[in-house]
Amino acid sequence: MHSLNAAMSQIALSQLGWRNKVVLTPDDPGFPGKSMYDAAADLERRYKKTLLLINSGSGYSDDPLVMAQDLARYIEETKSSKFTIGLLTSNLESPLAQVARQYGHVVQVKGRGKSKPSFEYSETGMMGDIFELGTLLLLCMMIEAIFRNLEAEDVLKLCEEEFEKVGAIIDSNVQSETYTQLVDLLEKRTNVFLGGKGTANEIAKMTGIRLFHIKSFLGDNVFVTRGVNTPHPRAGDLEILISYTGETKPVINWAEVMQKFNGTVLAITGKNDSTLAKKADLKIILEEDVKPGTPRRFYTRAAYVLSPLPVKLAERLGQRGLKLPEYIISWYHSVTQ
């Protein structure tokens, strides 16, 4: 969901080229119904065409499946031609794929498949990394291609181009002193806070989900900044803040609060001379030359740069003689992604 939201927010926040497109999620206060079936009639009155876009690796996720089935029921009953279902999945035989194929289109994004419990995730990533990061980049490149008025076959060219760039970005950062200091902090008894506004908040949530499963093993917690259950930080806690401009006022305020409690702030920003970068204790700069109001690759790159963090932490714990519980390792590999 966070991969999908991060990509779609590039449409919702863009000031150019998307005036005829509206992005809604079922969690939005303005979503016109308690279910997709209830909302469909209203959506049909409002818009010429509506795409229900779903991102599900397994194709068995309950909420997306119910939404797709509800919309299919509405289409069957009303014979409406205004709706399409689009699905990104690894499982072409799932119930969700069967519904989506009948009323739209399915794109297969393969993960690493099923594996026996092991520590191989140091090479392959953990949990949903391969599928979630893959669909994030694919969706963002699709949006960029549409924005630039390119053809469908150009999407994969953009992906190949970006993978070369993001690979170099990951390598340079993972091998940096900043990354080493991050892992040093994470292996200690520290809570972790992640935050950003808009698209950056979706990237923060993606990272938080993965990091929590490692930190919870140590008895620590991972929070999204300004979440409903977010406590005050403690001395020694770590806060990871994401902002392309580095000038988003609430994010700068979060950094100042953390430092008042003697915590450590990592800033991931696109501007080395930004206020957030100057205030942070640690920083990762992902510079990008892009015009305001156009799709940015910064957020995808931030997700990729942060994705090795839980892996590096697990490796460090292994070096200390601490092994993750078998049930966690099994869970990483139990779902075809």
C-alpha atoms as a PDB file:
ATOM      1  CA  MET A   1       0.000   0.000   0.000  1.00  0.00           C
ATOM      2  CA  HIS A   2       2.782   2.451   0.851  1.00  0.00           C
ATOM      3  CA  SER A   3       4.549   1.738  -2.457  1.00  0.00           C
ATOM      4  CA  LEU A   4       1.310   2.413  -4.293  1.00  0.00           C
ATOM      5  CA  ASN A   5       0.520   5.555  -2.285  1.00  0.00           C
ATOM      6  CA  ALA A   6       4.031   6.948  -2.739  1.00  0.00           C
ATOM      7  CA  ALA A   7       3.803   6.580  -6.499  1.00  0.00           C
ATOM      8  CA  MET A   8       0.245   7.898  -6.816  1.00  0.00           C
ATOM      9  CA  SER A   9       1.007  10.927  -4.665  1.00  0.00           C
ATOM     10  CA  GLN A  10       3.316  12.058  -7.459  1.00  0.00           C
ATOM     11  CA  ILE A  11       0.164  12.532  -9.523  1.00  0.00           C
ATOM     12  CA  ALA A  12      -1.838  14.070  -6.702  1.00  0.00           C
ATOM     13  CA  LEU A  13       0.879  16.606  -5.788  1.00  0.00           C
ATOM     14  CA  SER A  14       1.985  17.507  -9.295  1.00  0.00           C
ATOM     15  CA  GLN A  15       1.139  21.010 -10.446  1.00  0.00           C
ATOM     16  CA  LEU A  16       1.484  20.239 -14.145  1.00  0.00           C
ATOM     17  CA  GLY A  17      -0.023  17.733 -16.537  1.00  0.00           C
ATOM     18  CA  TRP A  18      -2.494  15.989 -14.223  1.00  0.00           C
ATOM     19  CA  ARG A  19      -5.361  18.456 -13.996  1.00  0.00           C
ATOM     20  CA  ASN A  20      -7.873  15.852 -15.134  1.00  0.00           C
ATOM     21  CA  LYS A  21      -6.809  13.181 -12.636  1.00  0.00           C
ATOM     22  CA  VAL A  22      -7.923  12.678  -9.038  1.00  0.00           C
ATOM     23  CA  VAL A  23      -6.328  10.184  -6.645  1.00  0.00           C
ATOM     24  CA  LEU A  24      -8.477   8.659  -3.883  1.00  0.00           C
ATOM     25  CA  THR A  25      -7.911   5.884  -1.356  1.00  0.00           C
ATOM     26  CA  PRO A  26     -10.597   4.117   0.703  1.00  0.00           C
ATOM     27  CA  ASP A  27      -9.050   5.738   3.791  1.00  0.00           C
ATOM     28  CA  ASP A  28      -9.641   9.275   2.523  1.00  0.00           C
ATOM     29  CA  PRO A  29     -12.385  11.152   4.419  1.00  0.00           C
ATOM     30  CA  GLY A  30     -13.814  12.119   1.031  1.00  0.00           C
ATOM     31  CA  PHE A  31     -14.133   8.565  -0.269  1.00  0.00           C
ATOM     32  CA  PRO A  32     -17.834   8.365  -1.196  1.00  0.00           C
ATOM     33  CA  GLY A  33     -18.861   5.132   0.499  1.00  0.00           C
ATOM     34  CA  LYS A  34     -18.110   2.516   3.132  1.00  0.00           C
ATOM     35  CA  SER A  35     -17.223   0.008   0.424  1.00  0.00           C
ATOM     36  CA  MET A  36     -16.236   0.066  -3.225  1.00  0.00           C
ATOM     37  CA  TYR A  37     -19.713  -1.154  -4.145  1.00  0.00           C
ATOM     38  CA  ASP A  38     -21.305   1.765  -2.266  1.00  0.00           C
ATOM     39  CA  ALA A  39     -18.849   4.277  -3.735  1.00  0.00           C
ATOM     40  CA  ALA A  40     -19.064   3.107  -7.344  1.00  0.00           C
ATOM     41  CA  ALA A  41     -22.306   4.900  -8.223  1.00  0.00           C
ATOM     42  CA  ASP A  42     -20.981   8.202  -6.893  1.00  0.00           C
ATOM     43  CA  LEU A  43     -17.640   7.736  -8.673  1.00  0.00           C
ATOM     44  CA  GLU A  44     -19.493   7.021 -11.907  1.00  0.00           C
ATOM     45  CA  ARG A  45     -21.389  10.305 -11.618  1.00  0.00           C
ATOM     46  CA  ARG A  46     -18.251  12.301 -10.824  1.00  0.00           C
ATOM     47  CA  TYR A  47     -15.739  10.969 -13.327  1.00  0.00           C
ATOM     48  CA  LYS A  48     -15.634   9.801 -16.947  1.00  0.00           C
ATOM     49  CA  LYS A  49     -13.305   6.900 -16.134  1.00  0.00           C
ATOM     50  CA  THR A  50     -12.191   5.308 -12.861  1.00  0.00           C
ATOM     51  CA  LEU A  51      -9.276   2.915 -12.394  1.00  0.00           C
ATOM     52  CA  LEU A  52      -9.141   0.746  -9.280  1.00  0.00           C
ATOM     53  CA  LEU A  53      -5.375   0.208  -8.982  1.00  0.00           C
ATOM     54  CA  ILE A  54      -4.186  -2.557  -6.636  1.00  0.00           C
ATOM     55  CA  ASN A  55      -0.711  -3.627  -5.508  1.00  0.00           C
ATOM     56  CA  SER A  56      -0.614  -7.098  -3.921  1.00  0.00           C
ATOM     57  CA  GLY A  57       2.279  -9.531  -4.111  1.00  0.00           C
ATOM     58  CA  SER A  58       0.343 -12.617  -3.090  1.00  0.00           C
ATOM     59  CA  GLY A  59      -2.992 -11.666  -4.633  1.00  0.00           C
ATOM     60  CA  TYR A  60      -4.740 -12.990  -1.516  1.00  0.00           C
ATOM     61  CA  SER A  61      -4.836  -9.793   0.579  1.00  0.00           C
ATOM     62  CA  ASP A  62      -8.322  -9.520   2.044  1.00  0.00           C
ATOM     63  CA  ASP A  63      -9.046  -5.796   1.682  1.00  0.00           C
ATOM     64  CA  PRO A  64      -7.957  -5.438  -1.980  1.00  0.00           C
ATOM     65  CA  LEU A  65      -9.766  -8.655  -2.897  1.00  0.00           C
ATOM     66  CA  VAL A  66     -13.023  -7.437  -1.340  1.00  0.00           C
ATOM     67  CA  MET A  67     -12.692  -4.081  -3.140  1.00  0.00           C
ATOM     68  CA  ALA A  68     -12.154  -5.801  -6.482  1.00  0.00           C
ATOM     69  CA  GLN A  69     -15.069  -8.175  -5.915  1.00  0.00           C
ATOM     70  CA  ASP A  70     -17.332  -5.296  -4.884  1.00  0.00           C
ATOM     71  CA  LEU A  71     -16.491  -3.333  -8.012  1.00  0.00           C
ATOM     72  CA  ALA A  72     -16.952  -6.425 -10.172  1.00  0.00           C
ATOM     73  CA  ARG A  73     -20.408  -6.925  -8.654  1.00  0.00           C
ATOM     74  CA  TYR A  74     -21.332  -3.292  -9.432  1.00  0.00           C
ATOM     75  CA  ILE A  75     -20.101  -3.605 -13.022  1.00  0.00           C
ATOM     76  CA  GLU A  76     -22.087  -6.818 -13.530  1.00  0.00           C
ATOM     77  CA  GLU A  77     -25.267  -5.348 -12.102  1.00  0.00           C
ATOM     78  CA  THR A  78     -25.125  -1.996 -13.904  1.00  0.00           C
ATOM     79  CA  LYS A  79     -23.214  -2.996 -17.070  1.00  0.00           C
ATOM     80  CA  SER A  80     -21.102   0.115 -16.507  1.00  0.00           C
ATOM     81  CA  SER A  81     -18.202   0.754 -18.896  1.00  0.00           C
ATOM     82  CA  LYS A  82     -16.598   3.468 -16.772  1.00  0.00           C
ATOM     83  CA  PHE A  83     -14.480   1.246 -14.514  1.00  0.00           C
ATOM     84  CA  THR A  84     -11.245  -0.684 -14.966  1.00  0.00           C
ATOM     85  CA  ILE A  85      -9.240  -2.763 -12.482  1.00  0.00           C
ATOM     86  CA  GLY A  86      -5.438  -2.743 -12.627  1.00  0.00           C
ATOM     87  CA  LEU A  87      -3.288  -5.125 -10.578  1.00  0.00           C
ATOM     88  CA  LEU A  88       0.431  -5.499  -9.888  1.00  0.00           C
ATOM     89  CA  THR A  89       1.126  -8.937  -8.420  1.00  0.00           C
ATOM     90  CA  SER A  90       3.531 -11.867  -8.359  1.00  0.00           C
ATOM     91  CA  ASN A  91       0.758 -14.477  -8.440  1.00  0.00           C
ATOM     92  CA  LEU A  92      -1.130 -14.684 -11.731  1.00  0.00           C
ATOM     93  CA  GLU A  93      -3.341 -17.503 -10.433  1.00  0.00           C
ATOM     94  CA  SER A  94      -4.633 -15.757  -7.304  1.00  0.00           C
ATOM     95  CA  PRO A  95      -8.318 -14.837  -6.803  1.00  0.00           C
ATOM     96  CA  LEU A  96      -7.400 -11.169  -7.099  1.00  0.00           C
ATOM     97  CA  ALA A  97      -5.616 -11.710 -10.414  1.00  0.00           C
ATOM     98  CA  GLN A  98      -8.634 -13.608 -11.779  1.00  0.00           C
ATOM     99  CA  VAL A  99     -11.004 -10.745 -10.963  1.00  0.00           C
ATOM    100  CA  ALA A 100      -8.621  -8.060 -12.250  1.00  0.00           C
ATOM    101  CA  ARG A 101      -7.981  -9.911 -15.510  1.00  0.00           C
ATOM    102  CA  GLN A 102     -11.723 -10.114 -16.169  1.00  0.00           C
ATOM    103  CA  TYR A 103     -12.263  -6.369 -15.711  1.00  0.00           C
ATOM    104  CA  GLY A 104      -8.900  -4.885 -16.581  1.00  0.00           C
ATOM    105  CA  HIS A 105      -5.205  -5.690 -16.712  1.00  0.00           C
ATOM    106  CA  VAL A 106      -2.641  -7.598 -14.628  1.00  0.00           C
ATOM    107  CA  VAL A 107       1.116  -6.938 -14.533  1.00  0.00           C
ATOM    108  CA  GLN A 108       3.334  -9.625 -13.024  1.00  0.00           C
ATOM    109  CA  VAL A 109       6.306  -8.485 -10.947  1.00  0.00           C
ATOM    110  CA  LYS A 110       8.254 -11.513  -9.781  1.00  0.00           C
ATOM    111  CA  GLY A 111       9.822 -11.709  -6.330  1.00  0.00           C
ATOM    112  CA  ARG A 112      12.390 -14.205  -5.141  1.00  0.00           C
ATOM    113  CA  GLY A 113       9.729 -16.911  -4.591  1.00  0.00           C
ATOM    114  CA  LYS A 114       9.650 -19.330  -1.694  1.00  0.00           C
ATOM    115  CA  SER A 115      12.863 -20.046   0.191  1.00  0.00           C
ATOM    116  CA  LYS A 116      13.854 -22.112   3.172  1.00  0.00           C
ATOM    117  CA  PRO A 117      14.543 -20.192   6.411  1.00  0.00           C
ATOM    118  CA  SER A 118      18.064 -18.815   6.283  1.00  0.00           C
ATOM    119  CA  PHE A 119      20.072 -15.631   6.492  1.00  0.00           C
ATOM    120  CA  GLU A 120      20.219 -15.333   2.710  1.00  0.00           C
ATOM    121  CA  TYR A 121      18.239 -12.116   2.964  1.00  0.00           C
ATOM    122  CA  SER A 122      21.566 -10.316   3.317  1.00  0.00           C
ATOM    123  CA  GLU A 123      21.713 -10.829  -0.457  1.00  0.00           C
ATOM    124  CA  THR A 124      18.042 -10.859  -1.417  1.00  0.00           C
ATOM    125  CA  GLY A 125      16.444  -8.434   1.033  1.00  0.00           C
ATOM    126  CA  MET A 126      13.816  -9.281   3.615  1.00  0.00           C
ATOM    127  CA  MET A 127      10.059  -9.411   3.884  1.00  0.00           C
ATOM    128  CA  GLY A 128       8.474  -7.678   0.889  1.00  0.00           C
ATOM    129  CA  ASP A 129      11.568  -5.831  -0.270  1.00  0.00           C
ATOM    130  CA  ILE A 130      11.836  -7.264  -3.766  1.00  0.00           C
ATOM    131  CA  PHE A 131       8.168  -6.927  -4.700  1.00  0.00           C
ATOM    132  CA  GLU A 132       7.465  -3.660  -2.873  1.00  0.00           C
ATOM    133  CA  LEU A 133      10.561  -1.836  -4.051  1.00  0.00           C
ATOM    134  CA  GLY A 134      10.122  -3.236  -7.540  1.00  0.00           C
ATOM    135  CA  THR A 135       6.533  -2.068  -7.864  1.00  0.00           C
ATOM    136  CA  LEU A 136       7.420   1.312  -6.356  1.00  0.00           C
ATOM    137  CA  LEU A 137       9.998   1.937  -9.063  1.00  0.00           C
ATOM    138  CA  LEU A 138       7.811   0.507 -11.829  1.00  0.00           C
ATOM    139  CA  LEU A 139       4.831   2.667 -10.868  1.00  0.00           C
ATOM    140  CA  CYS A 140       6.967   5.802 -10.553  1.00  0.00           C
ATOM    141  CA  MET A 141       8.516   5.215 -13.970  1.00  0.00           C
ATOM    142  CA  MET A 142       5.047   4.643 -15.462  1.00  0.00           C
ATOM    143  CA  ILE A 143       3.945   7.987 -14.046  1.00  0.00           C
ATOM    144  CA  GLU A 144       7.058   9.707 -15.366  1.00  0.00           C
ATOM    145  CA  ALA A 145       6.522   8.177 -18.805  1.00  0.00           C
ATOM    146  CA  ILE A 146       2.919   9.405 -18.910  1.00  0.00           C
ATOM    147  CA  PHE A 147       3.995  12.835 -17.710  1.00  0.00           C
ATOM    148  CA  ARG A 148       6.676  13.018 -20.419  1.00  0.00           C
ATOM    149  CA  ASN A 149       4.248  11.682 -23.057  1.00  0.00           C
ATOM    150  CA  LEU A 150       6.393   8.609 -23.744  1.00  0.00           C
ATOM    151  CA  GLU A 151       5.239   5.265 -25.100  1.00  0.00           C
ATOM    152  CA  ALA A 152       4.517   2.195 -22.960  1.00  0.00           C
ATOM    153  CA  GLU A 153       7.696   0.422 -24.098  1.00  0.00           C
ATOM    154  CA  ASP A 154       9.733   3.347 -22.765  1.00  0.00           C
ATOM    155  CA  VAL A 155       8.756   2.500 -19.179  1.00  0.00           C
ATOM    156  CA  LEU A 156      11.196  -0.406 -18.935  1.00  0.00           C
ATOM    157  CA  LYS A 157      13.920   1.765 -20.478  1.00  0.00           C
ATOM    158  CA  LEU A 158      13.348   4.296 -17.711  1.00  0.00           C
ATOM    159  CA  CYS A 159      13.512   1.474 -15.145  1.00  0.00           C
ATOM    160  CA  GLU A 160      16.811   0.211 -16.528  1.00  0.00           C
ATOM    161  CA  GLU A 161      18.219   3.728 -16.547  1.00  0.00           C
ATOM    162  CA  GLU A 162      17.131   4.341 -12.959  1.00  0.00           C
ATOM    163  CA  PHE A 163      18.381   0.979 -11.666  1.00  0.00           C
ATOM    164  CA  GLU A 164      21.887   1.875 -12.818  1.00  0.00           C
ATOM    165  CA  LYS A 165      21.711   5.167 -10.967  1.00  0.00           C
ATOM    166  CA  VAL A 166      20.072   3.835  -7.820  1.00  0.00           C
ATOM    167  CA  GLY A 167      22.519   0.925  -7.629  1.00  0.00           C
ATOM    168  CA  ALA A 168      25.433   3.335  -7.481  1.00  0.00           C
ATOM    169  CA  ILE A 169      23.595   5.490  -4.937  1.00  0.00           C
ATOM    170  CA  ILE A 170      22.946   2.474  -2.677  1.00  0.00           C
ATOM    171  CA  ASP A 171      26.541   1.248  -2.898  1.00  0.00           C
ATOM    172  CA  SER A 172      28.035   4.631  -2.036  1.00  0.00           C
ATOM    173  CA  ASN A 173      25.734   5.137   0.948  1.00  0.00           C
ATOM    174  CA  VAL A 174      25.801   1.615   2.405  1.00  0.00           C
ATOM    175  CA  GLN A 175      29.598   1.731   2.440  1.00  0.00           C
ATOM    176  CA  SER A 176      29.679   5.199   4.021  1.00  0.00           C
ATOM    177  CA  GLU A 177      30.613   6.201   7.559  1.00  0.00           C
ATOM    178  CA  THR A 178      27.072   7.553   7.993  1.00  0.00           C
ATOM    179  CA  TYR A 179      25.571   4.106   7.398  1.00  0.00           C
ATOM    180  CA  THR A 180      28.018   2.521   9.833  1.00  0.00           C
ATOM    181  CA  GLN A 181      27.016   5.047  12.497  1.00  0.00           C
ATOM    182  CA  LEU A 182      23.345   4.293  11.821  1.00  0.00           C
ATOM    183  CA  VAL A 183      23.851   0.579  12.398  1.00  0.00           C
ATOM    184  CA  ASP A 184      25.882   1.381  15.533  1.00  0.00           C
ATOM    185  CA  LEU A 185      22.904   3.326  16.878  1.00  0.00           C
ATOM    186  CA  LEU A 186      20.322   0.731  15.839  1.00  0.00           C
ATOM    187  CA  GLU A 187      22.015  -2.158  17.631  1.00  0.00           C
ATOM    188  CA  LYS A 188      21.761  -0.251  20.915  1.00  0.00           C
ATOM    189  CA  ARG A 189      18.609  -0.048  23.056  1.00  0.00           C
ATOM    190  CA  THR A 190      17.090   2.826  21.084  1.00  0.00           C
ATOM    191  CA  ASN A 191      13.612   3.568  19.848  1.00  0.00           C
ATOM    192  CA  VAL A 192      13.390   4.723  16.239  1.00  0.00           C
ATOM    193  CA  PHE A 193      11.166   7.477  14.880  1.00  0.00           C
ATOM    194  CA  LEU A 194      10.563   7.978  11.149  1.00  0.00           C
ATOM    195  CA  GLY A 195       8.809  10.884   9.533  1.00  0.00           C
ATOM    196  CA  GLY A 196       8.076  12.995   6.510  1.00  0.00           C
ATOM    197  CA  LYS A 197       5.162  14.804   4.938  1.00  0.00           C
ATOM    198  CA  GLY A 198       3.223  13.697   1.878  1.00  0.00           C
ATOM    199  CA  THR A 199       5.122  11.214  -0.282  1.00  0.00           C
ATOM    200  CA  ALA A 200       8.016  11.171   2.187  1.00  0.00           C
ATOM    201  CA  ASN A 201       5.677   9.875   4.885  1.00  0.00           C
ATOM    202  CA  GLU A 202       4.834   6.818   2.764  1.00  0.00           C
ATOM    203  CA  ILE A 203       8.550   6.050   2.402  1.00  0.00           C
ATOM    204  CA  ALA A 204       8.996   6.466   6.148  1.00  0.00           C
ATOM    205  CA  LYS A 205       6.203   3.938   6.786  1.00  0.00           C
ATOM    206  CA  MET A 206       7.726   1.433   4.344  1.00  0.00           C
ATOM    207  CA  THR A 207      11.017   1.584   6.225  1.00  0.00           C
ATOM    208  CA  GLY A 208       9.351   1.515   9.628  1.00  0.00           C
ATOM    209  CA  ILE A 209       7.516  -1.751   8.917  1.00  0.00           C
ATOM    210  CA  ARG A 210      10.745  -3.600   8.097  1.00  0.00           C
ATOM    211  CA  LEU A 211      12.802  -2.052  10.856  1.00  0.00           C
ATOM    212  CA  PHE A 212      10.202  -2.820  13.506  1.00  0.00           C
ATOM    213  CA  HIS A 213      10.501  -6.580  13.047  1.00  0.00           C
ATOM    214  CA  ILE A 214      14.198  -6.431  13.871  1.00  0.00           C
ATOM    215  CA  LYS A 215      14.103  -3.820  16.629  1.00  0.00           C
ATOM    216  CA  SER A 216      11.169  -5.484  18.390  1.00  0.00           C
ATOM    217  CA  PHE A 217      13.360  -8.564  18.833  1.00  0.00           C
ATOM    218  CA  LEU A 218      15.646  -6.325  20.923  1.00  0.00           C
ATOM    219  CA  GLY A 219      12.695  -5.012  22.934  1.00  0.00           C
ATOM    220  CA  ASP A 220      12.690  -1.646  21.161  1.00  0.00           C
ATOM    221  CA  ASN A 221       9.971   0.149  19.222  1.00  0.00           C
ATOM    222  CA  VAL A 222       9.688   1.892  15.868  1.00  0.00           C
ATOM    223  CA  PHE A 223       7.241   4.784  15.534  1.00  0.00           C
ATOM    224  CA  VAL A 224       5.981   7.012  12.745  1.00  0.00           C
ATOM    225  CA  THR A 225       6.463  10.603  13.883  1.00  0.00           C
ATOM    226  CA  ARG A 226       3.196  12.194  14.997  1.00  0.00           C
ATOM    227  CA  GLY A 227       1.403   8.858  14.882  1.00  0.00           C
ATOM    228  CA  VAL A 228      -1.459   8.167  17.265  1.00  0.00           C
ATOM    229  CA  ASN A 229       0.775   6.115  19.568  1.00  0.00           C
ATOM    230  CA  THR A 230       4.013   8.067  19.219  1.00  0.00           C
ATOM    231  CA  PRO A 231       5.578   8.845  22.634  1.00  0.00           C
ATOM    232  CA  HIS A 232       8.105  11.500  23.568  1.00  0.00           C
ATOM    233  CA  PRO A 233      11.615  10.513  22.527  1.00  0.00           C
ATOM    234  CA  ARG A 234      14.307   9.546  25.006  1.00  0.00           C
ATOM    235  CA  ALA A 235      17.964  10.452  25.103  1.00  0.00           C
ATOM    236  CA  GLY A 236      19.794   8.290  22.597  1.00  0.00           C
ATOM    237  CA  ASP A 237      16.800   7.608  20.352  1.00  0.00           C
ATOM    238  CA  LEU A 238      17.145   7.848  16.566  1.00  0.00           C
ATOM    239  CA  GLU A 239      14.909   9.840  14.235  1.00  0.00           C
ATOM    240  CA  ILE A 240      15.012   9.408  10.449  1.00  0.00           C
ATOM    241  CA  LEU A 241      13.433  12.341   8.613  1.00  0.00           C
ATOM    242  CA  ILE A 242      12.804  12.553   4.870  1.00  0.00           C
ATOM    243  CA  SER A 243      12.282  15.789   2.947  1.00  0.00           C
ATOM    244  CA  TYR A 244      13.336  16.622  -0.598  1.00  0.00           C
ATOM    245  CA  THR A 245      13.594  20.353   0.014  1.00  0.00           C
ATOM    246  CA  GLY A 246      14.736  20.087   3.626  1.00  0.00           C
ATOM    247  CA  GLU A 247      12.581  23.124   4.333  1.00  0.00           C
ATOM    248  CA  THR A 248       9.283  21.512   5.373  1.00  0.00           C
ATOM    249  CA  LYS A 249       8.512  23.289   8.650  1.00  0.00           C
ATOM    250  CA  PRO A 250       6.883  20.423  10.595  1.00  0.00           C
ATOM    251  CA  VAL A 251       9.809  18.133   9.697  1.00  0.00           C
ATOM    252  CA  ILE A 252      12.346  20.732  10.839  1.00  0.00           C
ATOM    253  CA  ASN A 253      10.374  21.097  14.065  1.00  0.00           C
ATOM    254  CA  TRP A 254      10.506  17.306  14.647  1.00  0.00           C
ATOM    255  CA  ALA A 255      14.282  17.443  14.283  1.00  0.00           C
ATOM    256  CA  GLU A 256      14.549  20.259  16.833  1.00  0.00           C
ATOM    257  CA  VAL A 257      12.369  18.399  19.341  1.00  0.00           C
ATOM    258  CA  MET A 258      14.419  15.210  19.000  1.00  0.00           C
ATOM    259  CA  GLN A 259      17.649  17.085  19.602  1.00  0.00           C
ATOM    260  CA  LYS A 260      16.203  18.760  22.703  1.00  0.00           C
ATOM    261  CA  PHE A 261      15.797  15.255  24.108  1.00  0.00           C
ATOM    262  CA  ASN A 262      19.424  14.465  23.176  1.00  0.00           C
ATOM    263  CA  GLY A 263      18.436  12.140  20.366  1.00  0.00           C
ATOM    264  CA  THR A 264      20.125  11.676  16.992  1.00  0.00           C
ATOM    265  CA  VAL A 265      18.593  12.946  13.746  1.00  0.00           C
ATOM    266  CA  LEU A 266      19.322  11.489  10.317  1.00  0.00           C
ATOM    267  CA  ALA A 267      18.147  13.697   7.463  1.00  0.00           C
ATOM    268  CA  ILE A 268      17.525  12.310   3.993  1.00  0.00           C
ATOM    269  CA  THR A 269      17.140  15.291   1.712  1.00  0.00           C
ATOM    270  CA  GLY A 270      17.816  16.483  -1.806  1.00  0.00           C
ATOM    271  CA  LYS A 271      19.485  19.708  -0.725  1.00  0.00           C
ATOM    272  CA  ASN A 272      22.847  19.742   1.054  1.00  0.00           C
ATOM    273  CA  ASP A 273      22.430  23.376   2.106  1.00  0.00           C
ATOM    274  CA  SER A 274      18.863  22.959   3.392  1.00  0.00           C
ATOM    275  CA  THR A 275      17.804  23.823   6.933  1.00  0.00           C
ATOM    276  CA  LEU A 276      17.108  20.168   7.769  1.00  0.00           C
ATOM    277  CA  ALA A 277      20.506  19.031   6.475  1.00  0.00           C
ATOM    278  CA  LYS A 278      22.272  21.693   8.530  1.00  0.00           C
ATOM    279  CA  LYS A 279      20.393  20.799  11.709  1.00  0.00           C
ATOM    280  CA  ALA A 280      20.778  17.019  11.403  1.00  0.00           C
ATOM    281  CA  ASP A 281      23.459  15.007  13.193  1.00  0.00           C
ATOM    282  CA  LEU A 282      23.746  12.638  10.210  1.00  0.00           C
ATOM    283  CA  LYS A 283      22.640  13.188   6.637  1.00  0.00           C
ATOM    284  CA  ILE A 284      22.233  11.415   3.314  1.00  0.00           C
ATOM    285  CA  ILE A 285      21.984  13.780   0.366  1.00  0.00           C
ATOM    286  CA  LEU A 286      20.171  12.537  -2.744  1.00  0.00           C
ATOM    287  CA  GLU A 287      20.492  15.460  -5.093  1.00  0.00           C
ATOM    288  CA  GLU A 288      18.173  15.644  -8.077  1.00  0.00           C
ATOM    289  CA  ASP A 289      17.720  18.365 -10.665  1.00  0.00           C
ATOM    290  CA  VAL A 290      13.978  18.505 -11.215  1.00  0.00           C
ATOM    291  CA  LYS A 291      11.533  21.322 -11.877  1.00  0.00           C
ATOM    292  CA  PRO A 292       8.936  22.097  -9.180  1.00  0.00           C
ATOM    293  CA  GLY A 293       5.590  20.413  -9.767  1.00  0.00           C
ATOM    294  CA  THR A 294       7.022  17.512 -11.800  1.00  0.00           C
ATOM    295  CA  PRO A 295       7.506  13.863 -10.728  1.00  0.00           C
ATOM    296  CA  ARG A 296      10.604  13.253  -8.587  1.00  0.00           C
ATOM    297  CA  ARG A 297      12.796  10.203  -8.265  1.00  0.00           C
ATOM    298  CA  PHE A 298      14.043  11.346  -4.863  1.00  0.00           C
ATOM    299  CA  TYR A 299      11.441   9.374  -2.908  1.00  0.00           C
ATOM    300  CA  THR A 300      12.076   6.092  -4.716  1.00  0.00           C
ATOM    301  CA  ARG A 301      15.801   6.559  -4.185  1.00  0.00           C
ATOM    302  CA  ALA A 302      15.245   7.260  -0.493  1.00  0.00           C
ATOM    303  CA  ALA A 303      13.282   4.002  -0.171  1.00  0.00           C
ATOM    304  CA  TYR A 304      16.065   2.042  -1.849  1.00  0.00           C
ATOM    305  CA  VAL A 305      18.808   3.651   0.247  1.00  0.00           C
ATOM    306  CA  LEU A 306      16.936   2.897   3.468  1.00  0.00           C
ATOM    307  CA  SER A 307      15.999  -0.676   2.527  1.00  0.00           C
ATOM    308  CA  PRO A 308      19.379  -2.234   3.536  1.00  0.00           C
ATOM    309  CA  LEU A 309      19.130  -0.854   7.092  1.00  0.00           C
ATOM    310  CA  PRO A 310      17.281  -3.812   8.668  1.00  0.00           C
ATOM    311  CA  VAL A 311      19.496  -6.221   6.731  1.00  0.00           C
ATOM    312  CA  LYS A 312      22.680  -4.564   7.984  1.00  0.00           C
ATOM    313  CA  LEU A 313      21.268  -4.555  11.509  1.00  0.00           C
ATOM    314  CA  ALA A 314      20.464  -8.276  11.305  1.00  0.00           C
ATOM    315  CA  GLU A 315      23.995  -8.934  10.066  1.00  0.00           C
ATOM    316  CA  ARG A 316      25.443  -6.935  12.948  1.00  0.00           C
ATOM    317  CA  LEU A 317      23.350  -8.852  15.474  1.00  0.00           C
ATOM    318  CA  GLY A 318      24.617 -12.067  13.931  1.00  0.00           C
ATOM    319  CA  GLN A 319      28.191 -10.882  14.417  1.00  0.00           C
ATOM    320  CA  ARG A 320      27.370 -10.278  18.080  1.00  0.00           C
ATOM    321  CA  GLY A 321      26.085 -13.834  18.396  1.00  0.00           C
ATOM    322  CA  LEU A 322      22.395 -12.891  18.352  1.00  0.00           C
ATOM    323  CA  LYS A 323      20.253 -14.816  15.888  1.00  0.00           C
ATOM    324  CA  LEU A 324      16.777 -13.736  14.899  1.00  0.00           C
ATOM    325  CA  PRO A 325      14.045 -16.156  16.000  1.00  0.00           C
ATOM    326  CA  GLU A 326      13.295 -18.909  13.496  1.00  0.00           C
ATOM    327  CA  TYR A 327       9.658 -17.863  13.181  1.00  0.00           C
ATOM    328  CA  ILE A 328      10.708 -14.399  11.959  1.00  0.00           C
ATOM    329  CA  ILE A 329      13.161 -15.794   9.434  1.00  0.00           C
ATOM    330  CA  SER A 330      10.557 -18.304   8.245  1.00  0.00           C
ATOM    331  CA  TRP A 331       8.019 -15.544   7.859  1.00  0.00           C
ATOM    332  CA  TYR A 332      10.377 -13.568   5.633  1.00  0.00           C
ATOM    333  CA  HIS A 333      10.417 -16.405   3.146  1.00  0.00           C
ATOM    334  CA  SER A 334       7.003 -17.998   3.611  1.00  0.00           C
ATOM    335  CA  VAL A 335       5.029 -15.885   1.118  1.00  0.00           C
ATOM    336  CA  THR A 336       5.629 -15.929  -2.609  1.00  0.00           C
ATOM    337  CA  GLN A 337       6.264 -12.296  -3.390  1.00  0.00           C
END
